[in-house]
Amino acid sequence: LMVLIKKDKHAFIYDFGPSYFNRFSRVPSVLLPYIDAHNLTVSTAIVSHQDNDHAGGVAHFKAAGYARSFDYFHPNGVY
């Protein structure tokens, strides 16, 4: 599961889909290009729980520079 909700150039991300072999996820191939193409600002990101099918792409999202988007709902960090 990976959900992006956008309004007025702001994006809310809920879950990040699975990671395959701890190397591949849909974050770099789908989510990040969409954010860039639509010039969105990611204001908030939430991970519902730590299972791979929901949190697998978090590492790719954080590596892309979006680690601070977790701060509001995950003040102690996602991992």
PDB file of N, CA and C in Angstrom:
ATOM      1  N   LEU A   1       0.843  -1.184   0.000  1.00  0.00           N
ATOM      2  CA  LEU A   1       0.000   0.000   0.000  1.00  0.00           C
ATOM      3  C   LEU A   1       0.880   1.235   0.000  1.00  0.00           C
ATOM      4  N   MET A   2       0.537   2.199  -0.851  1.00  0.00           N
ATOM      5  CA  MET A   2       1.185   3.502  -0.865  1.00  0.00           C
ATOM      6  C   MET A   2       0.139   4.491  -1.367  1.00  0.00           C
ATOM      7  N   VAL A   3      -0.106   5.539  -0.574  1.00  0.00           N
ATOM      8  CA  VAL A   3      -1.137   6.508  -0.921  1.00  0.00           C
ATOM      9  C   VAL A   3      -0.543   7.909  -0.889  1.00  0.00           C
ATOM     10  N   LEU A   4      -0.833   8.703  -1.901  1.00  0.00           N
ATOM     11  CA  LEU A   4      -0.467  10.109  -1.941  1.00  0.00           C
ATOM     12  C   LEU A   4      -1.750  10.907  -2.101  1.00  0.00           C
ATOM     13  N   ILE A   5      -1.943  11.858  -1.208  1.00  0.00           N
ATOM     14  CA  ILE A   5      -3.082  12.769  -1.301  1.00  0.00           C
ATOM     15  C   ILE A   5      -2.504  14.158  -1.489  1.00  0.00           C
ATOM     16  N   LYS A   6      -2.972  14.868  -2.515  1.00  0.00           N
ATOM     17  CA  LYS A   6      -2.420  16.197  -2.761  1.00  0.00           C
ATOM     18  C   LYS A   6      -3.520  17.249  -2.786  1.00  0.00           C
ATOM     19  N   LYS A   7      -3.122  18.436  -2.345  1.00  0.00           N
ATOM     20  CA  LYS A   7      -4.005  19.602  -2.396  1.00  0.00           C
ATOM     21  C   LYS A   7      -3.118  20.835  -2.417  1.00  0.00           C
ATOM     22  N   ASP A   8      -3.357  21.699  -3.370  1.00  0.00           N
ATOM     23  CA  ASP A   8      -2.632  22.965  -3.461  1.00  0.00           C
ATOM     24  C   ASP A   8      -1.116  22.791  -3.392  1.00  0.00           C
ATOM     25  N   LYS A   9      -0.598  21.862  -4.156  1.00  0.00           N
ATOM     26  CA  LYS A   9       0.843  21.612  -4.258  1.00  0.00           C
ATOM     27  C   LYS A   9       1.463  21.036  -2.990  1.00  0.00           C
ATOM     28  N   HIS A  10       0.639  20.600  -2.050  1.00  0.00           N
ATOM     29  CA  HIS A  10       1.128  19.918  -0.856  1.00  0.00           C
ATOM     30  C   HIS A  10       0.707  18.454  -0.934  1.00  0.00           C
ATOM     31  N   ALA A  11       1.588  17.591  -0.467  1.00  0.00           N
ATOM     32  CA  ALA A  11       1.319  16.154  -0.519  1.00  0.00           C
ATOM     33  C   ALA A  11       1.377  15.552   0.879  1.00  0.00           C
ATOM     34  N   PHE A  12       0.487  14.613   1.095  1.00  0.00           N
ATOM     35  CA  PHE A  12       0.427  13.802   2.305  1.00  0.00           C
ATOM     36  C   PHE A  12       0.642  12.371   1.844  1.00  0.00           C
ATOM     37  N   ILE A  13       1.636  11.691   2.408  1.00  0.00           N
ATOM     38  CA  ILE A  13       1.944  10.322   2.003  1.00  0.00           C
ATOM     39  C   ILE A  13       1.588   9.378   3.140  1.00  0.00           C
ATOM     40  N   TYR A  14       0.832   8.347   2.810  1.00  0.00           N
ATOM     41  CA  TYR A  14       0.453   7.321   3.784  1.00  0.00           C
ATOM     42  C   TYR A  14       0.975   5.982   3.294  1.00  0.00           C
ATOM     43  N   ASP A  15       1.958   5.450   3.970  1.00  0.00           N
ATOM     44  CA  ASP A  15       2.598   4.180   3.653  1.00  0.00           C
ATOM     45  C   ASP A  15       3.420   4.257   2.368  1.00  0.00           C
ATOM     46  N   PHE A  16       4.333   3.317   2.223  1.00  0.00           N
ATOM     47  CA  PHE A  16       5.338   3.407   1.170  1.00  0.00           C
ATOM     48  C   PHE A  16       5.526   2.127   0.380  1.00  0.00           C
ATOM     49  N   GLY A  17       4.601   1.213   0.489  1.00  0.00           N
ATOM     50  CA  GLY A  17       4.673  -0.011  -0.298  1.00  0.00           C
ATOM     51  C   GLY A  17       5.838  -0.898   0.091  1.00  0.00           C
ATOM     52  N   PRO A  18       5.958  -2.036  -0.561  1.00  0.00           N
ATOM     53  CA  PRO A  18       6.986  -3.019  -0.202  1.00  0.00           C
ATOM     54  C   PRO A  18       8.364  -2.687  -0.777  1.00  0.00           C
ATOM     55  N   SER A  19       9.337  -3.307  -0.192  1.00  0.00           N
ATOM     56  CA  SER A  19      10.694  -3.307  -0.721  1.00  0.00           C
ATOM     57  C   SER A  19      10.993  -4.750  -1.116  1.00  0.00           C
ATOM     58  N   TYR A  20      11.589  -4.924  -2.273  1.00  0.00           N
ATOM     59  CA  TYR A  20      11.924  -6.258  -2.760  1.00  0.00           C
ATOM     60  C   TYR A  20      13.415  -6.488  -2.608  1.00  0.00           C
ATOM     61  N   PHE A  21      13.777  -7.528  -1.901  1.00  0.00           N
ATOM     62  CA  PHE A  21      15.175  -7.895  -1.679  1.00  0.00           C
ATOM     63  C   PHE A  21      15.956  -6.763  -0.995  1.00  0.00           C
ATOM     64  N   ASN A  22      15.258  -5.920  -0.251  1.00  0.00           N
ATOM     65  CA  ASN A  22      15.850  -4.769   0.440  1.00  0.00           C
ATOM     66  C   ASN A  22      16.577  -3.819  -0.502  1.00  0.00           C
ATOM     67  N   ARG A  23      16.212  -3.837  -1.786  1.00  0.00           N
ATOM     68  CA  ARG A  23      16.888  -2.984  -2.763  1.00  0.00           C
ATOM     69  C   ARG A  23      15.929  -2.198  -3.649  1.00  0.00           C
ATOM     70  N   PHE A  24      14.788  -2.770  -3.972  1.00  0.00           N
ATOM     71  CA  PHE A  24      13.883  -2.147  -4.936  1.00  0.00           C
ATOM     72  C   PHE A  24      12.545  -1.824  -4.290  1.00  0.00           C
ATOM     73  N   SER A  25      11.995  -0.671  -4.630  1.00  0.00           N
ATOM     74  CA  SER A  25      10.647  -0.323  -4.189  1.00  0.00           C
ATOM     75  C   SER A  25      10.038   0.598  -5.241  1.00  0.00           C
ATOM     76  N   ARG A  26       8.775   0.892  -5.080  1.00  0.00           N
ATOM     77  CA  ARG A  26       8.088   1.796  -6.011  1.00  0.00           C
ATOM     78  C   ARG A  26       8.336   3.260  -5.691  1.00  0.00           C
ATOM     79  N   VAL A  27       8.995   3.534  -4.580  1.00  0.00           N
ATOM     80  CA  VAL A  27       9.265   4.928  -4.217  1.00  0.00           C
ATOM     81  C   VAL A  27      10.109   5.630  -5.280  1.00  0.00           C
ATOM     82  N   PRO A  28      11.289   5.101  -5.668  1.00  0.00           N
ATOM     83  CA  PRO A  28      12.079   5.810  -6.681  1.00  0.00           C
ATOM     84  C   PRO A  28      11.494   5.750  -8.089  1.00  0.00           C
ATOM     85  N   SER A  29      10.746   4.715  -8.386  1.00  0.00           N
ATOM     86  CA  SER A  29      10.247   4.572  -9.764  1.00  0.00           C
ATOM     87  C   SER A  29       8.869   5.186  -9.988  1.00  0.00           C
ATOM     88  N   VAL A  30       8.074   5.366  -8.930  1.00  0.00           N
ATOM     89  CA  VAL A  30       6.717   5.892  -9.092  1.00  0.00           C
ATOM     90  C   VAL A  30       6.491   7.150  -8.243  1.00  0.00           C
ATOM     91  N   LEU A  31       6.700   7.037  -6.939  1.00  0.00           N
ATOM     92  CA  LEU A  31       6.356   8.136  -6.027  1.00  0.00           C
ATOM     93  C   LEU A  31       7.217   9.380  -6.245  1.00  0.00           C
ATOM     94  N   LEU A  32       8.522   9.237  -6.232  1.00  0.00           N
ATOM     95  CA  LEU A  32       9.389  10.406  -6.386  1.00  0.00           C
ATOM     96  C   LEU A  32       9.236  11.097  -7.741  1.00  0.00           C
ATOM     97  N   PRO A  33       9.143  10.347  -8.852  1.00  0.00           N
ATOM     98  CA  PRO A  33       8.897  11.034 -10.127  1.00  0.00           C
ATOM     99  C   PRO A  33       7.567  11.787 -10.149  1.00  0.00           C
ATOM    100  N   TYR A  34       6.536  11.251  -9.503  1.00  0.00           N
ATOM    101  CA  TYR A  34       5.245  11.936  -9.449  1.00  0.00           C
ATOM    102  C   TYR A  34       5.364  13.236  -8.650  1.00  0.00           C
ATOM    103  N   ILE A  35       6.033  13.169  -7.510  1.00  0.00           N
ATOM    104  CA  ILE A  35       6.236  14.369  -6.692  1.00  0.00           C
ATOM    105  C   ILE A  35       6.980  15.431  -7.491  1.00  0.00           C
ATOM    106  N   ASP A  36       8.031  15.030  -8.186  1.00  0.00           N
ATOM    107  CA  ASP A  36       8.813  15.975  -8.988  1.00  0.00           C
ATOM    108  C   ASP A  36       8.012  16.533 -10.162  1.00  0.00           C
ATOM    109  N   ALA A  37       7.311  15.675 -10.873  1.00  0.00           N
ATOM    110  CA  ALA A  37       6.561  16.099 -12.056  1.00  0.00           C
ATOM    111  C   ALA A  37       5.464  17.096 -11.727  1.00  0.00           C
ATOM    112  N   HIS A  38       4.899  16.987 -10.531  1.00  0.00           N
ATOM    113  CA  HIS A  38       3.808  17.877 -10.133  1.00  0.00           C
ATOM    114  C   HIS A  38       4.265  18.972  -9.180  1.00  0.00           C
ATOM    115  N   ASN A  39       5.592  19.049  -8.969  1.00  0.00           N
ATOM    116  CA  ASN A  39       6.188  20.093  -8.136  1.00  0.00           C
ATOM    117  C   ASN A  39       5.517  20.182  -6.764  1.00  0.00           C
ATOM    118  N   LEU A  40       5.396  19.032  -6.093  1.00  0.00           N
ATOM    119  CA  LEU A  40       4.716  18.966  -4.806  1.00  0.00           C
ATOM    120  C   LEU A  40       5.690  19.145  -3.648  1.00  0.00           C
ATOM    121  N   THR A  41       5.178  19.710  -2.577  1.00  0.00           N
ATOM    122  CA  THR A  41       5.894  19.786  -1.315  1.00  0.00           C
ATOM    123  C   THR A  41       5.300  18.738  -0.397  1.00  0.00           C
ATOM    124  N   VAL A  42       6.115  17.825   0.081  1.00  0.00           N
ATOM    125  CA  VAL A  42       5.628  16.778   0.979  1.00  0.00           C
ATOM    126  C   VAL A  42       5.617  17.357   2.383  1.00  0.00           C
ATOM    127  N   SER A  43       4.424  17.572   2.911  1.00  0.00           N
ATOM    128  CA  SER A  43       4.301  18.185   4.233  1.00  0.00           C
ATOM    129  C   SER A  43       4.246  17.154   5.346  1.00  0.00           C
ATOM    130  N   THR A  44       3.667  15.990   5.082  1.00  0.00           N
ATOM    131  CA  THR A  44       3.510  14.979   6.119  1.00  0.00           C
ATOM    132  C   THR A  44       3.600  13.588   5.506  1.00  0.00           C
ATOM    133  N   ALA A  45       4.260  12.690   6.242  1.00  0.00           N
ATOM    134  CA  ALA A  45       4.338  11.292   5.847  1.00  0.00           C
ATOM    135  C   ALA A  45       4.068  10.423   7.071  1.00  0.00           C
ATOM    136  N   ILE A  46       3.306   9.362   6.860  1.00  0.00           N
ATOM    137  CA  ILE A  46       2.928   8.453   7.941  1.00  0.00           C
ATOM    138  C   ILE A  46       3.149   7.018   7.490  1.00  0.00           C
ATOM    139  N   VAL A  47       3.657   6.210   8.405  1.00  0.00           N
ATOM    140  CA  VAL A  47       3.763   4.767   8.175  1.00  0.00           C
ATOM    141  C   VAL A  47       2.809   4.105   9.165  1.00  0.00           C
ATOM    142  N   SER A  48       1.857   3.348   8.654  1.00  0.00           N
ATOM    143  CA  SER A  48       0.844   2.747   9.522  1.00  0.00           C
ATOM    144  C   SER A  48       1.436   1.696  10.454  1.00  0.00           C
ATOM    145  N   HIS A  49       2.354   0.877   9.943  1.00  0.00           N
ATOM    146  CA  HIS A  49       3.040  -0.119  10.756  1.00  0.00           C
ATOM    147  C   HIS A  49       4.260  -0.620   9.991  1.00  0.00           C
ATOM    148  N   GLN A  50       5.105  -1.379  10.674  1.00  0.00           N
ATOM    149  CA  GLN A  50       6.418  -1.709  10.154  1.00  0.00           C
ATOM    150  C   GLN A  50       6.481  -2.898   9.192  1.00  0.00           C
ATOM    151  N   ASP A  51       5.380  -3.517   8.864  1.00  0.00           N
ATOM    152  CA  ASP A  51       5.423  -4.633   7.914  1.00  0.00           C
ATOM    153  C   ASP A  51       5.962  -4.157   6.568  1.00  0.00           C
ATOM    154  N   ASN A  52       6.689  -5.020   5.886  1.00  0.00           N
ATOM    155  CA  ASN A  52       7.328  -4.671   4.623  1.00  0.00           C
ATOM    156  C   ASN A  52       6.344  -4.136   3.575  1.00  0.00           C
ATOM    157  N   ASP A  53       5.130  -4.665   3.538  1.00  0.00           N
ATOM    158  CA  ASP A  53       4.194  -4.219   2.503  1.00  0.00           C
ATOM    159  C   ASP A  53       3.687  -2.793   2.733  1.00  0.00           C
ATOM    160  N   HIS A  54       3.986  -2.201   3.876  1.00  0.00           N
ATOM    161  CA  HIS A  54       3.593  -0.818   4.164  1.00  0.00           C
ATOM    162  C   HIS A  54       4.805   0.102   4.355  1.00  0.00           C
ATOM    163  N   ALA A  55       5.887  -0.426   4.878  1.00  0.00           N
ATOM    164  CA  ALA A  55       7.038   0.403   5.229  1.00  0.00           C
ATOM    165  C   ALA A  55       8.291   0.084   4.418  1.00  0.00           C
ATOM    166  N   GLY A  56       8.195  -0.788   3.458  1.00  0.00           N
ATOM    167  CA  GLY A  56       9.381  -1.208   2.714  1.00  0.00           C
ATOM    168  C   GLY A  56      10.093  -0.092   1.974  1.00  0.00           C
ATOM    169  N   GLY A  57       9.368   0.875   1.466  1.00  0.00           N
ATOM    170  CA  GLY A  57       9.978   1.962   0.698  1.00  0.00           C
ATOM    171  C   GLY A  57      10.438   3.149   1.518  1.00  0.00           C
ATOM    172  N   VAL A  58      10.295   3.091   2.833  1.00  0.00           N
ATOM    173  CA  VAL A  58      10.658   4.227   3.690  1.00  0.00           C
ATOM    174  C   VAL A  58      12.130   4.604   3.523  1.00  0.00           C
ATOM    175  N   ALA A  59      13.019   3.635   3.488  1.00  0.00           N
ATOM    176  CA  ALA A  59      14.451   3.935   3.368  1.00  0.00           C
ATOM    177  C   ALA A  59      14.746   4.721   2.090  1.00  0.00           C
ATOM    178  N   HIS A  60      14.089   4.369   0.989  1.00  0.00           N
ATOM    179  CA  HIS A  60      14.292   5.101  -0.264  1.00  0.00           C
ATOM    180  C   HIS A  60      13.748   6.521  -0.159  1.00  0.00           C
ATOM    181  N   PHE A  61      12.618   6.684   0.519  1.00  0.00           N
ATOM    182  CA  PHE A  61      12.013   8.003   0.681  1.00  0.00           C
ATOM    183  C   PHE A  61      12.899   8.898   1.547  1.00  0.00           C
ATOM    184  N   LYS A  62      13.412   8.349   2.634  1.00  0.00           N
ATOM    185  CA  LYS A  62      14.300   9.106   3.506  1.00  0.00           C
ATOM    186  C   LYS A  62      15.595   9.460   2.785  1.00  0.00           C
ATOM    187  N   ALA A  63      16.134   8.531   2.020  1.00  0.00           N
ATOM    188  CA  ALA A  63      17.375   8.774   1.283  1.00  0.00           C
ATOM    189  C   ALA A  63      17.206   9.869   0.226  1.00  0.00           C
ATOM    190  N   ALA A  64      15.981  10.067  -0.238  1.00  0.00           N
ATOM    191  CA  ALA A  64      15.701  11.102  -1.234  1.00  0.00           C
ATOM    192  C   ALA A  64      15.563  12.488  -0.597  1.00  0.00           C
ATOM    193  N   GLY A  65      15.718  12.566   0.731  1.00  0.00           N
ATOM    194  CA  GLY A  65      15.684  13.867   1.399  1.00  0.00           C
ATOM    195  C   GLY A  65      14.389  14.212   2.099  1.00  0.00           C
ATOM    196  N   TYR A  66      13.526  13.247   2.293  1.00  0.00           N
ATOM    197  CA  TYR A  66      12.221  13.522   2.893  1.00  0.00           C
ATOM    198  C   TYR A  66      12.091  13.030   4.333  1.00  0.00           C
ATOM    199  N   ALA A  67      13.184  12.809   5.022  1.00  0.00           N
ATOM    200  CA  ALA A  67      13.140  12.279   6.394  1.00  0.00           C
ATOM    201  C   ALA A  67      12.354  13.185   7.340  1.00  0.00           C
ATOM    202  N   ARG A  68      12.427  14.478   7.157  1.00  0.00           N
ATOM    203  CA  ARG A  68      11.725  15.420   8.049  1.00  0.00           C
ATOM    204  C   ARG A  68      10.209  15.349   7.919  1.00  0.00           C
ATOM    205  N   SER A  69       9.703  14.803   6.836  1.00  0.00           N
ATOM    206  CA  SER A  69       8.249  14.728   6.654  1.00  0.00           C
ATOM    207  C   SER A  69       7.593  13.755   7.636  1.00  0.00           C
ATOM    208  N   PHE A  70       8.388  12.939   8.317  1.00  0.00           N
ATOM    209  CA  PHE A  70       7.863  11.997   9.313  1.00  0.00           C
ATOM    210  C   PHE A  70       7.776  12.614  10.714  1.00  0.00           C
ATOM    211  N   ASP A  71       8.381  13.760  10.916  1.00  0.00           N
ATOM    212  CA  ASP A  71       8.557  14.321  12.255  1.00  0.00           C
ATOM    213  C   ASP A  71       7.258  14.523  13.038  1.00  0.00           C
ATOM    214  N   TYR A  72       6.192  14.942  12.392  1.00  0.00           N
ATOM    215  CA  TYR A  72       4.970  15.259  13.125  1.00  0.00           C
ATOM    216  C   TYR A  72       4.331  14.007  13.739  1.00  0.00           C
ATOM    217  N   PHE A  73       4.158  12.967  12.954  1.00  0.00           N
ATOM    218  CA  PHE A  73       3.494  11.760  13.444  1.00  0.00           C
ATOM    219  C   PHE A  73       4.468  10.715  13.991  1.00  0.00           C
ATOM    220  N   HIS A  74       5.728  10.846  13.660  1.00  0.00           N
ATOM    221  CA  HIS A  74       6.745   9.899  14.137  1.00  0.00           C
ATOM    222  C   HIS A  74       7.924  10.680  14.733  1.00  0.00           C
ATOM    223  N   PRO A  75       7.699  11.407  15.835  1.00  0.00           N
ATOM    224  CA  PRO A  75       8.758  12.273  16.382  1.00  0.00           C
ATOM    225  C   PRO A  75       9.992  11.506  16.864  1.00  0.00           C
ATOM    226  N   ASN A  76       9.858  10.232  17.144  1.00  0.00           N
ATOM    227  CA  ASN A  76      10.996   9.429  17.587  1.00  0.00           C
ATOM    228  C   ASN A  76      11.627   8.644  16.440  1.00  0.00           C
ATOM    229  N   GLY A  77      11.218   8.934  15.229  1.00  0.00           N
ATOM    230  CA  GLY A  77      11.748   8.258  14.058  1.00  0.00           C
ATOM    231  C   GLY A  77      10.876   7.106  13.603  1.00  0.00           C
ATOM    232  N   VAL A  78      10.993   6.774  12.347  1.00  0.00           N
ATOM    233  CA  VAL A  78      10.214   5.675  11.771  1.00  0.00           C
ATOM    234  C   VAL A  78      10.890   4.345  12.042  1.00  0.00           C
ATOM    235  N   TYR A  79      12.196   4.330  11.992  1.00  0.00           N
ATOM    236  CA  TYR A  79      12.960   3.110  12.228  1.00  0.00           C
ATOM    237  C   TYR A  79      13.886   3.345  13.379  1.00  0.00           C
TER     238      TYR A  79
END
